[in-house]
Amino acid sequence: MPWVAPGKTTRSKDYRGSGSFATFLIIGPVCFFLGILFASFPYDFPLLWTSDPVPDAYYNQLETHLRFIHQSPPLIARLLNIITAVGFLGFFIKLFKPSEANVLFDGASLVLYVIGVGVYISNIVKGLRMVSAGGWDEGVKVDGPYTGEVILGREDSLKVLSASNTILALVLVGVLVLQAGQWYAERKEADDTIAADEADAQKKEAKEVAKASKKKN
């Protein structure tokens, strides 16, 4: 790989692996956003995971909840942007002069992280703006592959928003899985290296014993 630092491995001194501070900069924001999505799961559950009819009062409650979130003070949105930027900072640190392990695990994690940010901006933020505006009479216009345009009402729009939360949660869990996979790969490689060193030491000791026995004979 041309972008991999030459000669850099997981045993190099400047290798930034699962135990580095940059990993904390990645895992911290991901767990923070997963916590927010987990808090929204009770609201999303009746829309996506049950077949029971949902009363209108529930949609009114959910709409009030989402409007309250979107109309929160600007400080909240700025903090979310800062926490998102912290995650990108962690990726850029780990991928600066990376090893092959960094490219495989951290590169794939960065791709998922970017996808998550895209889902948040394109679906969730847009849905929150629609809820806050309250323009359900006109519906949400979405380009369709056959009709050219699809009009989504309040119920369908809220379901799309809940589905976007689920997609974002799965993407963020994928980031954690890749980071955990990096830790496991490093541990496995370290164990294999120790086992190989011990085997070499035993072979060397056996050769020395054989030489000593030949001299005695």
N, C-alpha and C. Protein backbone atom coordinates (compact mmCIF):
# COMPACT_ATOMS: atom_id res chain seq x y z
N MET A 1 0.84 -1.19 0.00
CA MET A 1 0.00 0.00 0.00
C MET A 1 0.88 1.24 0.00
N PRO A 2 0.71 2.15 -0.96
CA PRO A 2 1.62 3.30 -1.07
C PRO A 2 1.48 4.28 0.08
N TRP A 3 0.31 4.33 0.75
CA TRP A 3 0.12 5.30 1.83
C TRP A 3 0.57 4.78 3.19
N VAL A 4 1.03 3.55 3.25
CA VAL A 4 1.52 2.98 4.51
C VAL A 4 2.95 3.44 4.74
N ALA A 5 3.26 3.84 5.99
CA ALA A 5 4.63 4.25 6.31
C ALA A 5 5.56 3.06 6.14
N PRO A 6 6.66 3.23 5.40
CA PRO A 6 7.57 2.09 5.15
C PRO A 6 8.20 1.57 6.43
N GLY A 7 8.13 0.27 6.60
CA GLY A 7 8.76 -0.37 7.75
C GLY A 7 8.01 -0.22 9.05
N LYS A 8 6.86 0.39 9.04
CA LYS A 8 6.13 0.61 10.29
C LYS A 8 5.20 -0.57 10.55
N THR A 9 5.30 -1.14 11.74
CA THR A 9 4.48 -2.27 12.13
C THR A 9 3.84 -1.98 13.48
N THR A 10 3.09 -2.95 13.97
CA THR A 10 2.44 -2.79 15.27
C THR A 10 3.46 -2.79 16.42
N ARG A 11 4.70 -3.19 16.15
CA ARG A 11 5.74 -3.22 17.18
C ARG A 11 6.62 -1.98 17.13
N SER A 12 6.34 -1.06 16.21
CA SER A 12 7.12 0.17 16.12
C SER A 12 6.79 1.09 17.29
N LYS A 13 7.76 1.91 17.67
CA LYS A 13 7.56 2.81 18.82
C LYS A 13 6.50 3.88 18.53
N ASP A 14 6.43 4.35 17.28
CA ASP A 14 5.47 5.40 16.94
C ASP A 14 4.15 4.84 16.42
N TYR A 15 3.91 3.55 16.64
CA TYR A 15 2.63 2.96 16.21
C TYR A 15 1.52 3.41 17.16
N ARG A 16 0.42 3.91 16.58
CA ARG A 16 -0.72 4.37 17.37
C ARG A 16 -1.83 3.33 17.23
N GLY A 17 -1.87 2.42 18.20
CA GLY A 17 -2.81 1.32 18.13
C GLY A 17 -3.99 1.50 19.06
N SER A 18 -4.55 0.38 19.49
CA SER A 18 -5.77 0.42 20.30
C SER A 18 -5.52 1.00 21.69
N GLY A 19 -4.27 0.98 22.15
CA GLY A 19 -3.98 1.51 23.47
C GLY A 19 -3.57 2.97 23.47
N SER A 20 -3.62 3.64 22.33
CA SER A 20 -3.18 5.03 22.25
C SER A 20 -4.30 5.98 22.66
N PHE A 21 -3.92 7.21 22.95
CA PHE A 21 -4.91 8.22 23.34
C PHE A 21 -5.84 8.56 22.18
N ALA A 22 -5.34 8.42 20.95
CA ALA A 22 -6.19 8.69 19.78
C ALA A 22 -7.38 7.75 19.73
N THR A 23 -7.20 6.50 20.18
CA THR A 23 -8.32 5.56 20.22
C THR A 23 -9.40 6.06 21.17
N PHE A 24 -8.98 6.64 22.30
CA PHE A 24 -9.94 7.22 23.24
C PHE A 24 -10.71 8.37 22.59
N LEU A 25 -10.01 9.16 21.76
CA LEU A 25 -10.69 10.26 21.06
C LEU A 25 -11.74 9.76 20.08
N ILE A 26 -11.60 8.52 19.63
CA ILE A 26 -12.58 7.93 18.71
C ILE A 26 -13.72 7.27 19.48
N ILE A 27 -13.36 6.45 20.46
CA ILE A 27 -14.37 5.68 21.18
C ILE A 27 -15.26 6.59 22.03
N GLY A 28 -14.68 7.65 22.61
CA GLY A 28 -15.46 8.55 23.45
C GLY A 28 -16.65 9.17 22.72
N PRO A 29 -16.44 9.87 21.59
CA PRO A 29 -17.58 10.43 20.86
C PRO A 29 -18.56 9.38 20.35
N VAL A 30 -18.04 8.23 19.90
CA VAL A 30 -18.94 7.18 19.40
C VAL A 30 -19.86 6.69 20.51
N CYS A 31 -19.32 6.44 21.70
CA CYS A 31 -20.16 6.00 22.82
C CYS A 31 -21.11 7.10 23.25
N PHE A 32 -20.68 8.35 23.17
CA PHE A 32 -21.56 9.47 23.52
C PHE A 32 -22.78 9.51 22.61
N PHE A 33 -22.55 9.40 21.30
CA PHE A 33 -23.67 9.44 20.36
C PHE A 33 -24.55 8.19 20.47
N LEU A 34 -23.95 7.06 20.78
CA LEU A 34 -24.75 5.86 21.00
C LEU A 34 -25.65 6.03 22.22
N GLY A 35 -25.14 6.73 23.23
CA GLY A 35 -25.98 7.01 24.40
C GLY A 35 -27.18 7.88 24.06
N ILE A 36 -26.97 8.88 23.20
CA ILE A 36 -28.09 9.72 22.77
C ILE A 36 -29.12 8.90 21.99
N LEU A 37 -28.62 8.04 21.10
CA LEU A 37 -29.54 7.20 20.31
C LEU A 37 -30.27 6.19 21.20
N PHE A 38 -29.59 5.68 22.23
CA PHE A 38 -30.25 4.76 23.14
C PHE A 38 -31.36 5.47 23.91
N ALA A 39 -31.15 6.73 24.25
CA ALA A 39 -32.19 7.49 24.93
C ALA A 39 -33.40 7.73 24.02
N SER A 40 -33.16 7.75 22.69
CA SER A 40 -34.26 7.94 21.74
C SER A 40 -34.94 6.63 21.37
N PHE A 41 -34.34 5.50 21.75
CA PHE A 41 -34.89 4.21 21.36
C PHE A 41 -36.32 3.96 21.87
N PRO A 42 -36.67 4.37 23.09
CA PRO A 42 -38.07 4.18 23.51
C PRO A 42 -39.08 4.90 22.64
N TYR A 43 -38.65 6.01 22.03
CA TYR A 43 -39.55 6.72 21.12
C TYR A 43 -39.61 6.05 19.76
N ASP A 44 -38.50 5.43 19.34
CA ASP A 44 -38.45 4.81 18.02
C ASP A 44 -39.06 3.41 18.02
N PHE A 45 -39.05 2.76 19.16
CA PHE A 45 -39.48 1.36 19.22
C PHE A 45 -40.91 1.14 18.73
N PRO A 46 -41.92 1.92 19.17
CA PRO A 46 -43.28 1.66 18.69
C PRO A 46 -43.46 1.86 17.19
N LEU A 47 -42.61 2.68 16.58
CA LEU A 47 -42.76 2.96 15.15
C LEU A 47 -42.16 1.88 14.27
N LEU A 48 -41.11 1.20 14.74
CA LEU A 48 -40.36 0.29 13.89
C LEU A 48 -40.43 -1.17 14.31
N TRP A 49 -40.57 -1.44 15.59
CA TRP A 49 -40.35 -2.79 16.08
C TRP A 49 -41.61 -3.46 16.63
N THR A 50 -42.75 -2.85 16.50
CA THR A 50 -44.00 -3.47 16.94
C THR A 50 -45.03 -3.35 15.82
N SER A 51 -45.96 -4.30 15.81
CA SER A 51 -47.06 -4.27 14.83
C SER A 51 -48.34 -3.68 15.42
N ASP A 52 -48.31 -3.28 16.67
CA ASP A 52 -49.49 -2.70 17.29
C ASP A 52 -49.78 -1.33 16.70
N PRO A 53 -51.03 -0.97 16.57
CA PRO A 53 -51.35 0.36 16.04
C PRO A 53 -50.87 1.47 16.98
N VAL A 54 -50.33 2.51 16.40
CA VAL A 54 -49.79 3.63 17.18
C VAL A 54 -50.85 4.73 17.25
N PRO A 55 -51.25 5.14 18.45
CA PRO A 55 -52.28 6.18 18.56
C PRO A 55 -51.75 7.54 18.15
N ASP A 56 -52.69 8.42 17.78
CA ASP A 56 -52.29 9.78 17.38
C ASP A 56 -51.64 10.53 18.53
N ALA A 57 -52.05 10.22 19.76
CA ALA A 57 -51.45 10.92 20.90
C ALA A 57 -49.95 10.66 20.99
N TYR A 58 -49.54 9.45 20.57
CA TYR A 58 -48.11 9.14 20.60
C TYR A 58 -47.35 10.00 19.60
N TYR A 59 -47.91 10.16 18.40
CA TYR A 59 -47.24 11.00 17.40
C TYR A 59 -47.15 12.44 17.89
N ASN A 60 -48.17 12.90 18.57
CA ASN A 60 -48.13 14.26 19.11
C ASN A 60 -47.02 14.39 20.16
N GLN A 61 -46.91 13.37 21.01
CA GLN A 61 -45.87 13.39 22.04
C GLN A 61 -44.48 13.33 21.41
N LEU A 62 -44.31 12.44 20.42
CA LEU A 62 -43.02 12.33 19.75
C LEU A 62 -42.67 13.62 19.03
N GLU A 63 -43.64 14.23 18.39
CA GLU A 63 -43.39 15.49 17.67
C GLU A 63 -42.97 16.59 18.65
N THR A 64 -43.61 16.65 19.80
CA THR A 64 -43.24 17.63 20.82
C THR A 64 -41.81 17.39 21.31
N HIS A 65 -41.47 16.12 21.51
CA HIS A 65 -40.12 15.76 21.97
C HIS A 65 -39.06 16.16 20.94
N LEU A 66 -39.31 15.86 19.67
CA LEU A 66 -38.34 16.19 18.63
C LEU A 66 -38.24 17.70 18.42
N ARG A 67 -39.35 18.39 18.52
CA ARG A 67 -39.32 19.85 18.38
C ARG A 67 -38.51 20.47 19.51
N PHE A 68 -38.66 19.91 20.71
CA PHE A 68 -37.90 20.43 21.85
C PHE A 68 -36.40 20.21 21.64
N ILE A 69 -36.03 19.06 21.06
CA ILE A 69 -34.62 18.78 20.79
C ILE A 69 -34.07 19.75 19.75
N HIS A 70 -34.81 19.94 18.67
CA HIS A 70 -34.31 20.80 17.59
C HIS A 70 -34.23 22.26 18.01
N GLN A 71 -35.12 22.69 18.87
CA GLN A 71 -35.16 24.10 19.29
C GLN A 71 -34.36 24.33 20.57
N SER A 72 -33.47 23.41 20.89
CA SER A 72 -32.61 23.58 22.06
C SER A 72 -31.64 24.74 21.83
N PRO A 73 -31.01 25.27 22.89
CA PRO A 73 -30.08 26.41 22.72
C PRO A 73 -28.95 26.09 21.75
N PRO A 74 -28.42 27.09 21.07
CA PRO A 74 -27.33 26.86 20.11
C PRO A 74 -26.10 26.20 20.72
N LEU A 75 -25.91 26.35 22.02
CA LEU A 75 -24.77 25.73 22.68
C LEU A 75 -24.79 24.21 22.51
N ILE A 76 -25.98 23.61 22.51
CA ILE A 76 -26.08 22.16 22.38
C ILE A 76 -25.57 21.71 21.01
N ALA A 77 -25.99 22.40 19.96
CA ALA A 77 -25.53 22.05 18.61
C ALA A 77 -24.03 22.24 18.47
N ARG A 78 -23.49 23.29 19.09
CA ARG A 78 -22.04 23.52 19.01
C ARG A 78 -21.27 22.42 19.73
N LEU A 79 -21.78 21.99 20.87
CA LEU A 79 -21.12 20.90 21.59
C LEU A 79 -21.14 19.62 20.76
N LEU A 80 -22.26 19.34 20.08
CA LEU A 80 -22.32 18.15 19.23
C LEU A 80 -21.31 18.24 18.09
N ASN A 81 -21.17 19.43 17.51
CA ASN A 81 -20.19 19.61 16.44
C ASN A 81 -18.76 19.42 16.96
N ILE A 82 -18.50 19.93 18.16
CA ILE A 82 -17.15 19.79 18.74
C ILE A 82 -16.85 18.32 19.01
N ILE A 83 -17.83 17.60 19.58
CA ILE A 83 -17.61 16.18 19.88
C ILE A 83 -17.40 15.39 18.60
N THR A 84 -18.15 15.72 17.54
CA THR A 84 -17.94 15.07 16.24
C THR A 84 -16.53 15.34 15.71
N ALA A 85 -16.07 16.59 15.86
CA ALA A 85 -14.73 16.94 15.41
C ALA A 85 -13.65 16.21 16.20
N VAL A 86 -13.90 15.96 17.49
CA VAL A 86 -12.94 15.21 18.30
C VAL A 86 -12.75 13.80 17.73
N GLY A 87 -13.85 13.17 17.29
CA GLY A 87 -13.73 11.86 16.66
C GLY A 87 -12.88 11.90 15.41
N PHE A 88 -13.09 12.91 14.55
CA PHE A 88 -12.26 13.04 13.35
C PHE A 88 -10.80 13.28 13.72
N LEU A 89 -10.56 14.04 14.78
CA LEU A 89 -9.19 14.29 15.21
C LEU A 89 -8.50 12.98 15.59
N GLY A 90 -9.22 12.12 16.30
CA GLY A 90 -8.65 10.82 16.66
C GLY A 90 -8.28 10.00 15.44
N PHE A 91 -9.15 10.00 14.42
CA PHE A 91 -8.85 9.25 13.21
C PHE A 91 -7.64 9.82 12.48
N PHE A 92 -7.56 11.14 12.40
CA PHE A 92 -6.44 11.75 11.69
C PHE A 92 -5.12 11.49 12.40
N ILE A 93 -5.15 11.44 13.74
CA ILE A 93 -3.92 11.14 14.48
C ILE A 93 -3.48 9.70 14.21
N LYS A 94 -4.43 8.76 14.25
CA LYS A 94 -4.07 7.36 14.06
C LYS A 94 -3.66 7.07 12.61
N LEU A 95 -4.19 7.84 11.67
CA LEU A 95 -3.89 7.59 10.26
C LEU A 95 -2.77 8.47 9.73
N PHE A 96 -2.08 9.19 10.63
CA PHE A 96 -0.91 9.96 10.20
C PHE A 96 0.30 9.03 10.17
N LYS A 97 0.89 8.86 9.00
CA LYS A 97 1.96 7.89 8.78
C LYS A 97 1.55 6.54 9.34
N PRO A 98 0.50 5.94 8.78
CA PRO A 98 -0.08 4.74 9.39
C PRO A 98 0.69 3.48 9.05
N SER A 99 0.47 2.47 9.86
CA SER A 99 0.91 1.13 9.51
C SER A 99 -0.21 0.43 8.74
N GLU A 100 0.05 -0.78 8.31
CA GLU A 100 -0.99 -1.51 7.57
C GLU A 100 -2.20 -1.79 8.45
N ALA A 101 -1.97 -2.04 9.74
CA ALA A 101 -3.08 -2.28 10.66
C ALA A 101 -3.94 -1.03 10.81
N ASN A 102 -3.31 0.15 10.86
CA ASN A 102 -4.07 1.40 10.94
C ASN A 102 -4.95 1.59 9.71
N VAL A 103 -4.39 1.29 8.54
CA VAL A 103 -5.16 1.48 7.31
C VAL A 103 -6.35 0.54 7.29
N LEU A 104 -6.16 -0.71 7.72
CA LEU A 104 -7.24 -1.68 7.66
C LEU A 104 -8.35 -1.36 8.67
N PHE A 105 -7.98 -1.19 9.92
CA PHE A 105 -8.98 -1.01 10.97
C PHE A 105 -9.44 0.44 11.09
N ASP A 106 -8.50 1.37 11.21
CA ASP A 106 -8.87 2.76 11.39
C ASP A 106 -9.42 3.37 10.10
N GLY A 107 -8.89 2.93 8.96
CA GLY A 107 -9.44 3.43 7.70
C GLY A 107 -10.88 3.01 7.50
N ALA A 108 -11.18 1.73 7.79
CA ALA A 108 -12.57 1.28 7.68
C ALA A 108 -13.46 1.96 8.72
N SER A 109 -12.92 2.20 9.92
CA SER A 109 -13.70 2.90 10.94
C SER A 109 -14.00 4.33 10.50
N LEU A 110 -13.03 4.98 9.86
CA LEU A 110 -13.26 6.34 9.38
C LEU A 110 -14.35 6.38 8.32
N VAL A 111 -14.36 5.38 7.44
CA VAL A 111 -15.41 5.32 6.41
C VAL A 111 -16.78 5.21 7.06
N LEU A 112 -16.91 4.34 8.06
CA LEU A 112 -18.19 4.21 8.77
C LEU A 112 -18.56 5.50 9.50
N TYR A 113 -17.57 6.14 10.08
CA TYR A 113 -17.83 7.39 10.81
C TYR A 113 -18.34 8.47 9.86
N VAL A 114 -17.74 8.56 8.69
CA VAL A 114 -18.19 9.54 7.69
C VAL A 114 -19.61 9.21 7.23
N ILE A 115 -19.90 7.92 7.03
CA ILE A 115 -21.27 7.52 6.67
C ILE A 115 -22.25 7.94 7.76
N GLY A 116 -21.87 7.74 9.02
CA GLY A 116 -22.74 8.14 10.12
C GLY A 116 -23.00 9.64 10.13
N VAL A 117 -21.96 10.43 9.89
CA VAL A 117 -22.15 11.88 9.82
C VAL A 117 -23.06 12.25 8.66
N GLY A 118 -22.91 11.54 7.54
CA GLY A 118 -23.78 11.80 6.40
C GLY A 118 -25.24 11.48 6.69
N VAL A 119 -25.48 10.35 7.36
CA VAL A 119 -26.86 10.01 7.75
C VAL A 119 -27.43 11.04 8.69
N TYR A 120 -26.61 11.51 9.63
CA TYR A 120 -27.07 12.52 10.59
C TYR A 120 -27.45 13.82 9.89
N ILE A 121 -26.60 14.27 8.97
CA ILE A 121 -26.86 15.56 8.32
C ILE A 121 -28.01 15.46 7.32
N SER A 122 -28.00 14.41 6.51
CA SER A 122 -28.97 14.31 5.41
C SER A 122 -30.36 13.87 5.87
N ASN A 123 -30.43 13.01 6.89
CA ASN A 123 -31.73 12.47 7.30
C ASN A 123 -32.22 13.04 8.63
N ILE A 124 -31.38 12.94 9.66
CA ILE A 124 -31.85 13.30 11.00
C ILE A 124 -32.03 14.80 11.14
N VAL A 125 -31.02 15.57 10.74
CA VAL A 125 -31.15 17.03 10.86
C VAL A 125 -32.29 17.55 9.98
N LYS A 126 -32.39 17.01 8.78
CA LYS A 126 -33.48 17.42 7.88
C LYS A 126 -34.83 17.06 8.47
N GLY A 127 -34.94 15.87 9.08
CA GLY A 127 -36.20 15.47 9.70
C GLY A 127 -36.55 16.33 10.89
N LEU A 128 -35.55 16.69 11.71
CA LEU A 128 -35.81 17.56 12.86
C LEU A 128 -36.26 18.95 12.42
N ARG A 129 -35.69 19.44 11.35
CA ARG A 129 -36.12 20.74 10.83
C ARG A 129 -37.57 20.69 10.35
N MET A 130 -37.92 19.58 9.72
CA MET A 130 -39.30 19.43 9.24
C MET A 130 -40.27 19.36 10.41
N VAL A 131 -39.89 18.63 11.46
CA VAL A 131 -40.75 18.52 12.63
C VAL A 131 -40.90 19.88 13.30
N SER A 132 -39.80 20.61 13.40
CA SER A 132 -39.85 21.92 14.04
C SER A 132 -40.68 22.91 13.25
N ALA A 133 -40.62 22.80 11.90
CA ALA A 133 -41.42 23.70 11.06
C ALA A 133 -42.89 23.33 11.09
N GLY A 134 -43.20 22.04 11.31
CA GLY A 134 -44.59 21.60 11.38
C GLY A 134 -45.33 21.66 10.07
N GLY A 135 -44.63 21.50 8.94
CA GLY A 135 -45.28 21.60 7.63
C GLY A 135 -45.78 20.26 7.14
N TRP A 136 -46.62 19.59 7.94
CA TRP A 136 -47.09 18.26 7.56
C TRP A 136 -48.17 18.31 6.49
N ASP A 137 -48.83 19.42 6.35
CA ASP A 137 -49.90 19.50 5.34
C ASP A 137 -49.32 19.37 3.94
N GLU A 138 -48.14 19.95 3.74
CA GLU A 138 -47.51 19.87 2.43
C GLU A 138 -46.75 18.55 2.25
N GLY A 139 -46.36 17.92 3.39
CA GLY A 139 -45.63 16.66 3.32
C GLY A 139 -44.16 16.90 3.01
N VAL A 140 -43.42 15.83 3.07
CA VAL A 140 -42.00 15.86 2.73
C VAL A 140 -41.82 15.28 1.34
N LYS A 141 -41.24 16.06 0.45
CA LYS A 141 -41.08 15.63 -0.93
C LYS A 141 -39.76 14.89 -1.09
N VAL A 142 -39.85 13.66 -1.58
CA VAL A 142 -38.67 12.82 -1.80
C VAL A 142 -38.71 12.33 -3.24
N ASP A 143 -37.57 12.44 -3.92
CA ASP A 143 -37.49 11.97 -5.30
C ASP A 143 -37.60 10.45 -5.34
N GLY A 144 -38.52 9.94 -6.12
CA GLY A 144 -38.72 8.50 -6.23
C GLY A 144 -38.20 7.98 -7.55
N PRO A 145 -37.81 6.71 -7.63
CA PRO A 145 -37.23 6.17 -8.87
C PRO A 145 -38.24 5.96 -9.98
N TYR A 146 -39.56 5.87 -9.63
CA TYR A 146 -40.57 5.57 -10.64
C TYR A 146 -41.51 6.75 -10.87
N THR A 147 -42.05 7.28 -9.80
CA THR A 147 -43.02 8.37 -9.95
C THR A 147 -42.34 9.72 -10.08
N GLY A 148 -41.06 9.79 -9.71
CA GLY A 148 -40.37 11.06 -9.78
C GLY A 148 -40.47 11.85 -8.49
N GLU A 149 -41.53 11.66 -7.71
CA GLU A 149 -41.70 12.41 -6.48
C GLU A 149 -42.65 11.65 -5.56
N VAL A 150 -42.27 11.55 -4.29
CA VAL A 150 -43.08 10.86 -3.29
C VAL A 150 -43.35 11.83 -2.16
N ILE A 151 -44.62 11.93 -1.74
CA ILE A 151 -45.00 12.83 -0.66
C ILE A 151 -45.15 12.01 0.62
N LEU A 152 -44.37 12.34 1.63
CA LEU A 152 -44.43 11.65 2.91
C LEU A 152 -45.19 12.52 3.91
N GLY A 153 -46.15 11.92 4.59
CA GLY A 153 -46.89 12.63 5.62
C GLY A 153 -46.18 12.58 6.95
N ARG A 154 -46.91 12.94 8.01
CA ARG A 154 -46.29 13.01 9.32
C ARG A 154 -45.83 11.64 9.81
N GLU A 155 -46.69 10.64 9.70
CA GLU A 155 -46.35 9.31 10.22
C GLU A 155 -45.16 8.71 9.49
N ASP A 156 -45.18 8.77 8.16
CA ASP A 156 -44.07 8.21 7.40
C ASP A 156 -42.77 8.96 7.65
N SER A 157 -42.85 10.27 7.80
CA SER A 157 -41.64 11.07 8.04
C SER A 157 -41.03 10.73 9.39
N LEU A 158 -41.87 10.55 10.40
CA LEU A 158 -41.36 10.18 11.71
C LEU A 158 -40.76 8.77 11.69
N LYS A 159 -41.34 7.87 10.89
CA LYS A 159 -40.76 6.53 10.77
C LYS A 159 -39.41 6.58 10.07
N VAL A 160 -39.28 7.43 9.07
CA VAL A 160 -37.99 7.57 8.38
C VAL A 160 -36.95 8.11 9.36
N LEU A 161 -37.35 9.05 10.19
CA LEU A 161 -36.43 9.61 11.18
C LEU A 161 -36.00 8.55 12.19
N SER A 162 -36.93 7.72 12.63
CA SER A 162 -36.59 6.65 13.56
C SER A 162 -35.69 5.62 12.90
N ALA A 163 -35.95 5.29 11.63
CA ALA A 163 -35.09 4.35 10.92
C ALA A 163 -33.69 4.91 10.74
N SER A 164 -33.58 6.21 10.54
CA SER A 164 -32.26 6.84 10.42
C SER A 164 -31.49 6.73 11.72
N ASN A 165 -32.19 6.86 12.85
CA ASN A 165 -31.53 6.67 14.15
C ASN A 165 -30.98 5.25 14.27
N THR A 166 -31.76 4.27 13.82
CA THR A 166 -31.32 2.88 13.90
C THR A 166 -30.11 2.63 13.00
N ILE A 167 -30.14 3.18 11.78
CA ILE A 167 -29.01 3.04 10.86
C ILE A 167 -27.76 3.66 11.46
N LEU A 168 -27.91 4.85 12.03
CA LEU A 168 -26.77 5.53 12.63
C LEU A 168 -26.20 4.72 13.80
N ALA A 169 -27.08 4.13 14.60
CA ALA A 169 -26.61 3.31 15.72
C ALA A 169 -25.82 2.10 15.22
N LEU A 170 -26.29 1.44 14.17
CA LEU A 170 -25.57 0.29 13.61
C LEU A 170 -24.21 0.70 13.06
N VAL A 171 -24.15 1.85 12.42
CA VAL A 171 -22.88 2.32 11.88
C VAL A 171 -21.88 2.60 13.00
N LEU A 172 -22.34 3.24 14.07
CA LEU A 172 -21.45 3.54 15.19
C LEU A 172 -21.00 2.26 15.91
N VAL A 173 -21.90 1.29 16.02
CA VAL A 173 -21.51 0.00 16.60
C VAL A 173 -20.44 -0.66 15.73
N GLY A 174 -20.56 -0.49 14.42
CA GLY A 174 -19.52 -1.01 13.51
C GLY A 174 -18.16 -0.40 13.78
N VAL A 175 -18.12 0.89 14.12
CA VAL A 175 -16.85 1.54 14.47
C VAL A 175 -16.25 0.90 15.72
N LEU A 176 -17.09 0.66 16.73
CA LEU A 176 -16.60 0.02 17.95
C LEU A 176 -16.11 -1.40 17.68
N VAL A 177 -16.81 -2.12 16.81
CA VAL A 177 -16.39 -3.49 16.49
C VAL A 177 -15.02 -3.48 15.81
N LEU A 178 -14.80 -2.55 14.90
CA LEU A 178 -13.50 -2.48 14.22
C LEU A 178 -12.39 -2.10 15.19
N GLN A 179 -12.66 -1.18 16.11
CA GLN A 179 -11.65 -0.81 17.09
C GLN A 179 -11.35 -1.98 18.02
N ALA A 180 -12.39 -2.73 18.41
CA ALA A 180 -12.17 -3.93 19.22
C ALA A 180 -11.41 -4.99 18.43
N GLY A 181 -11.70 -5.09 17.12
CA GLY A 181 -10.96 -6.02 16.27
C GLY A 181 -9.49 -5.66 16.18
N GLN A 182 -9.19 -4.37 16.15
CA GLN A 182 -7.79 -3.94 16.15
C GLN A 182 -7.09 -4.35 17.45
N TRP A 183 -7.78 -4.17 18.58
CA TRP A 183 -7.19 -4.59 19.86
C TRP A 183 -6.94 -6.10 19.88
N TYR A 184 -7.89 -6.87 19.39
CA TYR A 184 -7.74 -8.33 19.38
C TYR A 184 -6.59 -8.75 18.46
N ALA A 185 -6.49 -8.11 17.29
CA ALA A 185 -5.42 -8.46 16.35
C ALA A 185 -4.05 -8.14 16.95
N GLU A 186 -3.95 -7.00 17.65
CA GLU A 186 -2.67 -6.65 18.28
C GLU A 186 -2.32 -7.65 19.39
N ARG A 187 -3.31 -8.02 20.18
CA ARG A 187 -3.06 -8.98 21.26
C ARG A 187 -2.67 -10.35 20.69
N LYS A 188 -3.36 -10.77 19.63
CA LYS A 188 -3.04 -12.05 19.02
C LYS A 188 -1.63 -12.05 18.43
N GLU A 189 -1.26 -10.95 17.78
CA GLU A 189 0.08 -10.85 17.20
C GLU A 189 1.14 -10.86 18.30
N ALA A 190 0.86 -10.17 19.41
CA ALA A 190 1.81 -10.15 20.52
C ALA A 190 1.98 -11.55 21.11
N ASP A 191 0.88 -12.27 21.27
CA ASP A 191 0.96 -13.64 21.79
C ASP A 191 1.74 -14.55 20.85
N ASP A 192 1.50 -14.40 19.55
CA ASP A 192 2.23 -15.21 18.57
C ASP A 192 3.73 -14.89 18.59
N THR A 193 4.05 -13.61 18.76
CA THR A 193 5.46 -13.21 18.82
C THR A 193 6.15 -13.79 20.04
N ILE A 194 5.46 -13.75 21.19
CA ILE A 194 6.04 -14.32 22.41
C ILE A 194 6.24 -15.83 22.25
N ALA A 195 5.24 -16.50 21.66
CA ALA A 195 5.36 -17.94 21.45
C ALA A 195 6.51 -18.27 20.51
N ALA A 196 6.68 -17.47 19.46
CA ALA A 196 7.78 -17.70 18.52
C ALA A 196 9.12 -17.47 19.19
N ASP A 197 9.22 -16.42 20.02
CA ASP A 197 10.48 -16.15 20.73
C ASP A 197 10.81 -17.29 21.69
N GLU A 198 9.79 -17.79 22.38
CA GLU A 198 10.03 -18.90 23.30
C GLU A 198 10.48 -20.16 22.55
N ALA A 199 9.87 -20.41 21.39
CA ALA A 199 10.27 -21.57 20.58
C ALA A 199 11.70 -21.43 20.10
N ASP A 200 12.09 -20.22 19.68
CA ASP A 200 13.47 -20.00 19.24
C ASP A 200 14.45 -20.20 20.40
N ALA A 201 14.04 -19.70 21.58
CA ALA A 201 14.92 -19.86 22.74
C ALA A 201 15.09 -21.33 23.10
N GLN A 202 14.02 -22.12 23.00
CA GLN A 202 14.12 -23.55 23.30
C GLN A 202 15.00 -24.26 22.28
N LYS A 203 14.87 -23.88 21.01
CA LYS A 203 15.72 -24.49 19.98
C LYS A 203 17.19 -24.15 20.22
N LYS A 204 17.45 -22.89 20.57
CA LYS A 204 18.83 -22.48 20.82
C LYS A 204 19.40 -23.23 22.03
N GLU A 205 18.58 -23.38 23.07
CA GLU A 205 19.01 -24.10 24.25
C GLU A 205 19.28 -25.57 23.93
N ALA A 206 18.41 -26.17 23.09
CA ALA A 206 18.61 -27.57 22.71
C ALA A 206 19.90 -27.74 21.92
N LYS A 207 20.23 -26.79 21.05
CA LYS A 207 21.47 -26.86 20.28
C LYS A 207 22.68 -26.75 21.19
N GLU A 208 22.61 -25.85 22.17
CA GLU A 208 23.72 -25.71 23.10
C GLU A 208 23.92 -26.96 23.92
N VAL A 209 22.82 -27.59 24.36
CA VAL A 209 22.93 -28.83 25.10
C VAL A 209 23.55 -29.93 24.24
N ALA A 210 23.14 -29.99 22.96
CA ALA A 210 23.70 -30.99 22.05
C ALA A 210 25.19 -30.78 21.83
N LYS A 211 25.60 -29.52 21.69
CA LYS A 211 27.03 -29.23 21.50
C LYS A 211 27.82 -29.62 22.75
N ALA A 212 27.23 -29.31 23.91
CA ALA A 212 27.94 -29.65 25.16
C ALA A 212 28.09 -31.16 25.32
N SER A 213 27.08 -31.92 24.94
CA SER A 213 27.15 -33.38 25.06
C SER A 213 28.17 -33.95 24.07
N LYS A 214 28.32 -33.37 22.88
CA LYS A 214 29.30 -33.83 21.91
C LYS A 214 30.72 -33.60 22.42
N LYS A 215 30.93 -32.45 23.07
CA LYS A 215 32.26 -32.15 23.59
C LYS A 215 32.65 -33.15 24.69
N LYS A 216 31.68 -33.53 25.52
CA LYS A 216 31.96 -34.48 26.59
C LYS A 216 32.33 -35.87 26.02
N ASN A 217 31.62 -36.23 24.93
CA ASN A 217 31.90 -37.51 24.31
C ASN A 217 33.25 -37.50 23.58
